[in-house]
Amino acid sequence: MTHLAPEAALSVLPRADGSAKYSYAGYTVTASVNGPIEAQKRDEQAYEAVVDVIVRPAAGVGGTRERHLESILQSSLSQIILITSFPRGLIQIMLQIESTPENDYVNTKLVQASLNLAIIPALLQTAVLALLSAAVPMKATATSSAVAVVLQDDGAKKMVVDPSPRDIESAQSVHALIFTSHDELLLAESEGDFTVQDWDQAYEVAYNVCCQAEAKKAGTDMMIDDDNDASGSDMRHFIRSTMESKVAADLHWKR
């Protein structure tokens, strides 16, 4: 399945300190960021800020899956935000899922059993763009990619970047990885049955998307789904160009 290029807009919510809207691979997410603000007494930390992440589903009320996503994002974002600069403070990140791939909610049992790792890149990219929009100090930015390992009829394994719900249903395993702008692995979440070699190959593919999209994929024993055009979705370049466009638009009045 061929994905269109990612799209993003910054400062879409005028009453928030920062906001962003991001669309890619069938997912559309809007994020708002407020902070640093004063944390409630029961939540405050004496030497650092609290990062509060809230994920709201596209339909219905959030449940266990949303709480798990919040935990993943909170842990990842806390490592790149300069939380020690704002003791007793609070940085609140609200993520509203607006749309998902068409058949994401067809099989209710599957949805409840799955961790929904495929949506992590959309949530992470939206949160990072919103934090940049709010000018929250960070030691680095972050990019993310999801990779599914699909076993083909001939026994070969294919790496599918940004898998669709149908790809996930037929996949042996799904992996979501987050990298910092310093090429460091920030987080890795996996589900399914996979070998160490499968994980290594998924890591290399995700690394190419997030950190060096033009890198050659020589030496891999697995097939990569070229229809998804992993080299075309250079997420680090996308975030940089989005911010450059925003700054250029904000400074247009000076010309």
Protein backbone atom coordinates (compact mmCIF):
# COMPACT_ATOMS: atom_id res chain seq x y z
CA MET A 1 0.00 0.00 0.00
CA THR A 2 1.39 3.37 -1.04
CA HIS A 3 1.03 6.19 1.48
CA LEU A 4 0.76 9.83 0.57
CA ALA A 5 3.39 12.16 1.95
CA PRO A 6 2.84 13.22 5.58
CA GLU A 7 1.08 16.51 6.20
CA ALA A 8 1.25 18.79 9.23
CA ALA A 9 0.01 22.17 10.39
CA LEU A 10 1.23 24.08 13.44
CA SER A 11 -0.63 26.42 15.83
CA VAL A 12 -4.04 25.15 14.78
CA LEU A 13 -5.56 25.76 18.25
CA PRO A 14 -5.29 29.45 19.18
CA ARG A 15 -5.99 29.02 22.90
CA ALA A 16 -3.24 26.47 23.51
CA ASP A 17 0.40 27.33 24.18
CA GLY A 18 1.26 25.13 21.21
CA SER A 19 -0.60 22.81 18.88
CA ALA A 20 -0.21 20.70 15.77
CA LYS A 21 -2.22 18.56 13.39
CA TYR A 22 -0.54 15.62 11.68
CA SER A 23 -1.79 13.19 9.03
CA TYR A 24 -0.03 10.14 7.63
CA ALA A 25 -0.68 6.47 6.83
CA GLY A 26 -4.42 6.84 7.41
CA TYR A 27 -4.05 8.44 10.85
CA THR A 28 -4.90 12.04 11.69
CA VAL A 29 -4.05 13.38 15.14
CA THR A 30 -4.39 16.84 16.67
CA ALA A 31 -2.30 17.77 19.71
CA SER A 32 -2.33 20.66 22.15
CA VAL A 33 0.43 21.54 24.60
CA ASN A 34 0.09 23.74 27.67
CA GLY A 35 2.98 24.50 29.93
CA PRO A 36 5.10 24.80 31.80
CA ILE A 37 2.31 25.59 34.26
CA GLU A 38 1.98 25.07 37.99
CA ALA A 39 1.31 21.46 38.91
CA GLN A 40 -1.22 20.45 41.53
CA LYS A 41 0.25 19.77 44.95
CA ARG A 42 -0.54 16.07 44.77
CA ASP A 43 1.26 15.68 41.41
CA GLU A 44 4.21 18.04 41.63
CA GLN A 45 7.80 16.86 41.69
CA ALA A 46 10.30 18.86 43.75
CA TYR A 47 13.11 18.84 41.19
CA GLU A 48 11.47 18.39 37.80
CA ALA A 49 8.33 18.98 35.79
CA VAL A 50 5.58 16.43 35.38
CA VAL A 51 4.77 15.42 31.80
CA ASP A 52 1.08 14.56 31.53
CA VAL A 53 -0.02 12.85 28.30
CA ILE A 54 -3.69 12.28 27.50
CA VAL A 55 -4.80 10.24 24.47
CA ARG A 56 -8.39 10.42 23.32
CA PRO A 57 -9.69 7.85 20.80
CA ALA A 58 -11.42 8.71 17.53
CA ALA A 59 -14.67 7.25 18.85
CA GLY A 60 -15.98 6.33 22.27
CA VAL A 61 -14.27 6.60 25.63
CA GLY A 62 -10.62 5.86 26.20
CA GLY A 63 -9.75 2.55 27.83
CA THR A 64 -6.82 0.29 28.59
CA ARG A 65 -5.25 0.70 25.18
CA GLU A 66 -5.20 4.50 25.45
CA ARG A 67 -3.72 4.30 28.95
CA HIS A 68 -0.94 2.08 27.59
CA LEU A 69 -0.22 4.54 24.77
CA GLU A 70 -0.13 7.39 27.28
CA SER A 71 2.44 5.50 29.37
CA ILE A 72 4.65 4.88 26.32
CA LEU A 73 4.53 8.49 25.17
CA GLN A 74 4.98 9.93 28.67
CA SER A 75 8.11 7.84 29.20
CA SER A 76 9.55 8.79 25.81
CA LEU A 77 8.78 12.52 25.90
CA SER A 78 10.04 12.89 29.47
CA GLN A 79 13.47 11.85 28.22
CA ILE A 80 13.75 14.61 25.61
CA ILE A 81 11.98 17.48 27.42
CA LEU A 82 14.18 19.48 29.80
CA ILE A 83 11.98 18.65 32.76
CA THR A 84 14.66 19.61 35.31
CA SER A 85 14.36 23.23 34.14
CA PHE A 86 10.83 23.48 35.54
CA PRO A 87 10.65 22.03 39.07
CA ARG A 88 7.12 21.69 40.46
CA GLY A 89 5.80 22.42 36.96
CA LEU A 90 3.45 20.61 34.61
CA ILE A 91 3.59 20.12 30.85
CA GLN A 92 0.29 18.80 29.56
CA ILE A 93 0.04 17.15 26.15
CA MET A 94 -3.42 16.33 24.81
CA LEU A 95 -3.66 14.04 21.78
CA GLN A 96 -6.98 13.69 19.98
CA ILE A 97 -7.15 10.91 17.40
CA GLU A 98 -9.40 12.25 14.65
CA SER A 99 -9.30 9.43 12.11
CA THR A 100 -7.75 6.00 11.67
CA PRO A 101 -7.46 3.57 8.72
CA GLU A 102 -10.89 2.47 7.53
CA ASN A 103 -10.95 -1.06 8.92
CA ASP A 104 -9.12 -0.28 12.16
CA TYR A 105 -12.21 -1.00 14.27
CA VAL A 106 -13.83 -3.75 12.23
CA ASN A 107 -12.61 -6.67 14.36
CA THR A 108 -13.40 -5.65 17.93
CA LYS A 109 -11.67 -8.64 19.51
CA LEU A 110 -8.52 -7.96 17.54
CA VAL A 111 -8.52 -4.30 18.54
CA GLN A 112 -8.91 -5.12 22.22
CA ALA A 113 -6.10 -7.69 22.07
CA SER A 114 -3.71 -5.50 20.08
CA LEU A 115 -1.47 -2.83 21.56
CA ASN A 116 -2.09 -0.76 18.41
CA LEU A 117 1.59 -0.07 17.91
CA ALA A 118 0.98 1.27 14.40
CA ILE A 119 -0.48 4.52 15.76
CA ILE A 120 2.53 5.34 17.96
CA PRO A 121 4.44 7.14 15.16
CA ALA A 122 1.47 9.43 14.43
CA LEU A 123 0.99 10.24 18.11
CA LEU A 124 4.70 10.82 18.69
CA GLN A 125 5.22 13.05 15.65
CA THR A 126 2.17 15.14 16.52
CA ALA A 127 3.31 15.56 20.12
CA VAL A 128 6.83 16.62 19.08
CA LEU A 129 5.48 19.17 16.58
CA ALA A 130 3.12 20.57 19.22
CA LEU A 131 5.99 20.85 21.73
CA LEU A 132 8.05 22.72 19.16
CA SER A 133 5.08 24.97 18.47
CA ALA A 134 4.83 25.72 22.20
CA ALA A 135 8.60 26.42 22.38
CA VAL A 136 9.02 23.88 25.17
CA PRO A 137 12.78 23.40 25.74
CA MET A 138 13.99 19.98 24.60
CA LYS A 139 17.40 18.37 24.47
CA ALA A 140 16.48 16.67 21.19
CA THR A 141 13.56 15.97 18.90
CA ALA A 142 12.28 12.48 18.16
CA THR A 143 10.96 10.51 15.21
CA SER A 144 9.18 7.17 15.08
CA SER A 145 8.31 4.40 12.66
CA ALA A 146 6.26 1.21 12.78
CA VAL A 147 7.39 -1.94 10.98
CA ALA A 148 5.49 -5.20 10.47
CA VAL A 149 7.18 -8.52 9.68
CA VAL A 150 4.98 -10.40 7.21
CA LEU A 151 5.63 -14.02 6.17
CA GLN A 152 5.00 -14.54 2.48
CA ASP A 153 3.79 -17.69 0.72
CA ASP A 154 7.29 -18.60 -0.42
CA GLY A 155 8.60 -18.44 3.15
CA ALA A 156 10.42 -15.13 2.75
CA LYS A 157 9.82 -12.38 5.26
CA LYS A 158 8.83 -8.90 4.13
CA MET A 159 9.31 -5.74 6.15
CA VAL A 160 6.27 -3.47 5.82
CA VAL A 161 6.79 0.15 6.90
CA ASP A 162 3.77 1.97 8.33
CA PRO A 163 1.58 -1.14 8.06
CA SER A 164 -2.15 -0.96 7.42
CA PRO A 165 -4.61 -2.82 9.69
CA ARG A 166 -4.74 -5.61 7.09
CA ASP A 167 -0.93 -5.88 7.13
CA ILE A 168 -1.00 -6.09 10.93
CA GLU A 169 -3.62 -8.86 10.88
CA SER A 170 -1.37 -11.02 8.66
CA ALA A 171 1.93 -10.05 10.30
CA GLN A 172 3.98 -12.31 12.52
CA SER A 173 5.11 -9.33 14.59
CA VAL A 174 4.81 -5.56 14.73
CA HIS A 175 7.47 -3.19 16.03
CA ALA A 176 7.31 0.52 16.90
CA LEU A 177 10.62 2.30 17.43
CA ILE A 178 11.43 5.87 18.45
CA PHE A 179 14.78 7.56 17.76
CA THR A 180 16.15 10.88 18.96
CA SER A 181 17.70 13.45 16.63
CA HIS A 182 21.06 12.19 17.95
CA ASP A 183 20.38 8.78 16.32
CA GLU A 184 19.81 7.15 19.71
CA LEU A 185 17.10 4.53 20.26
CA LEU A 186 14.62 6.09 22.66
CA LEU A 187 11.99 3.35 22.84
CA ALA A 188 11.14 0.00 21.24
CA GLU A 189 7.80 -1.76 21.61
CA SER A 190 7.07 -5.11 19.97
CA GLU A 191 4.29 -7.67 19.86
CA GLY A 192 3.94 -11.05 18.19
CA ASP A 193 6.38 -13.87 17.51
CA PHE A 194 9.78 -12.84 16.21
CA THR A 195 13.44 -13.81 16.29
CA VAL A 196 16.42 -11.66 17.16
CA GLN A 197 17.16 -11.42 13.43
CA ASP A 198 13.60 -10.20 12.78
CA TRP A 199 14.01 -7.48 15.39
CA ASP A 200 17.41 -6.45 14.04
CA GLN A 201 15.97 -6.11 10.54
CA ALA A 202 12.98 -4.12 11.82
CA TYR A 203 15.41 -1.86 13.70
CA GLU A 204 17.46 -1.22 10.56
CA VAL A 205 14.39 -0.37 8.49
CA ALA A 206 12.99 1.97 11.15
CA TYR A 207 16.41 3.57 11.60
CA ASN A 208 16.59 4.29 7.87
CA VAL A 209 13.19 5.98 7.96
CA CYS A 210 13.84 8.02 11.09
CA CYS A 211 17.56 8.78 10.88
CA GLN A 212 18.98 8.17 7.44
CA ALA A 213 16.32 7.64 4.84
CA GLU A 214 18.83 7.70 1.99
CA ALA A 215 20.95 4.96 3.49
CA LYS A 216 21.26 1.85 1.39
CA LYS A 217 19.52 -1.27 2.59
CA ALA A 218 22.22 -3.59 1.26
CA GLY A 219 23.07 -6.69 3.23
CA THR A 220 19.55 -7.46 4.45
CA ASP A 221 18.15 -10.95 3.99
CA MET A 222 14.56 -9.76 4.22
CA MET A 223 12.48 -8.08 1.59
CA ILE A 224 11.34 -4.51 2.23
CA ASP A 225 7.96 -3.45 0.98
CA ASP A 226 8.98 -0.78 -1.54
CA ASP A 227 5.35 0.18 -2.11
CA ASN A 228 5.47 1.99 1.20
CA ASP A 229 8.53 3.92 -0.01
CA ALA A 230 10.42 4.04 3.27
CA SER A 231 13.05 6.29 1.76
CA GLY A 232 10.39 8.84 0.87
CA SER A 233 9.12 9.32 4.40
CA ASP A 234 12.23 10.89 5.94
CA MET A 235 10.61 11.95 9.21
CA ARG A 236 13.52 13.99 10.50
CA HIS A 237 13.63 16.07 7.32
CA PHE A 238 9.83 16.40 7.43
CA ILE A 239 9.87 17.87 10.96
CA ARG A 240 12.68 20.25 10.05
CA SER A 241 10.95 21.47 6.89
CA THR A 242 7.64 21.89 8.73
CA MET A 243 9.26 24.11 11.34
CA GLU A 244 11.16 26.08 8.68
CA SER A 245 7.91 26.75 6.82
CA LYS A 246 6.23 27.90 10.04
CA VAL A 247 9.07 30.27 10.93
CA ALA A 248 9.15 31.67 7.40
CA ALA A 249 5.40 32.32 7.54
CA ASP A 250 5.64 33.99 10.97
CA LEU A 251 8.41 36.30 9.77
CA HIS A 252 6.75 37.13 6.46
CA TRP A 253 5.57 40.49 7.82
CA LYS A 254 9.19 41.66 8.17
CA ARG A 255 9.83 41.43 4.45
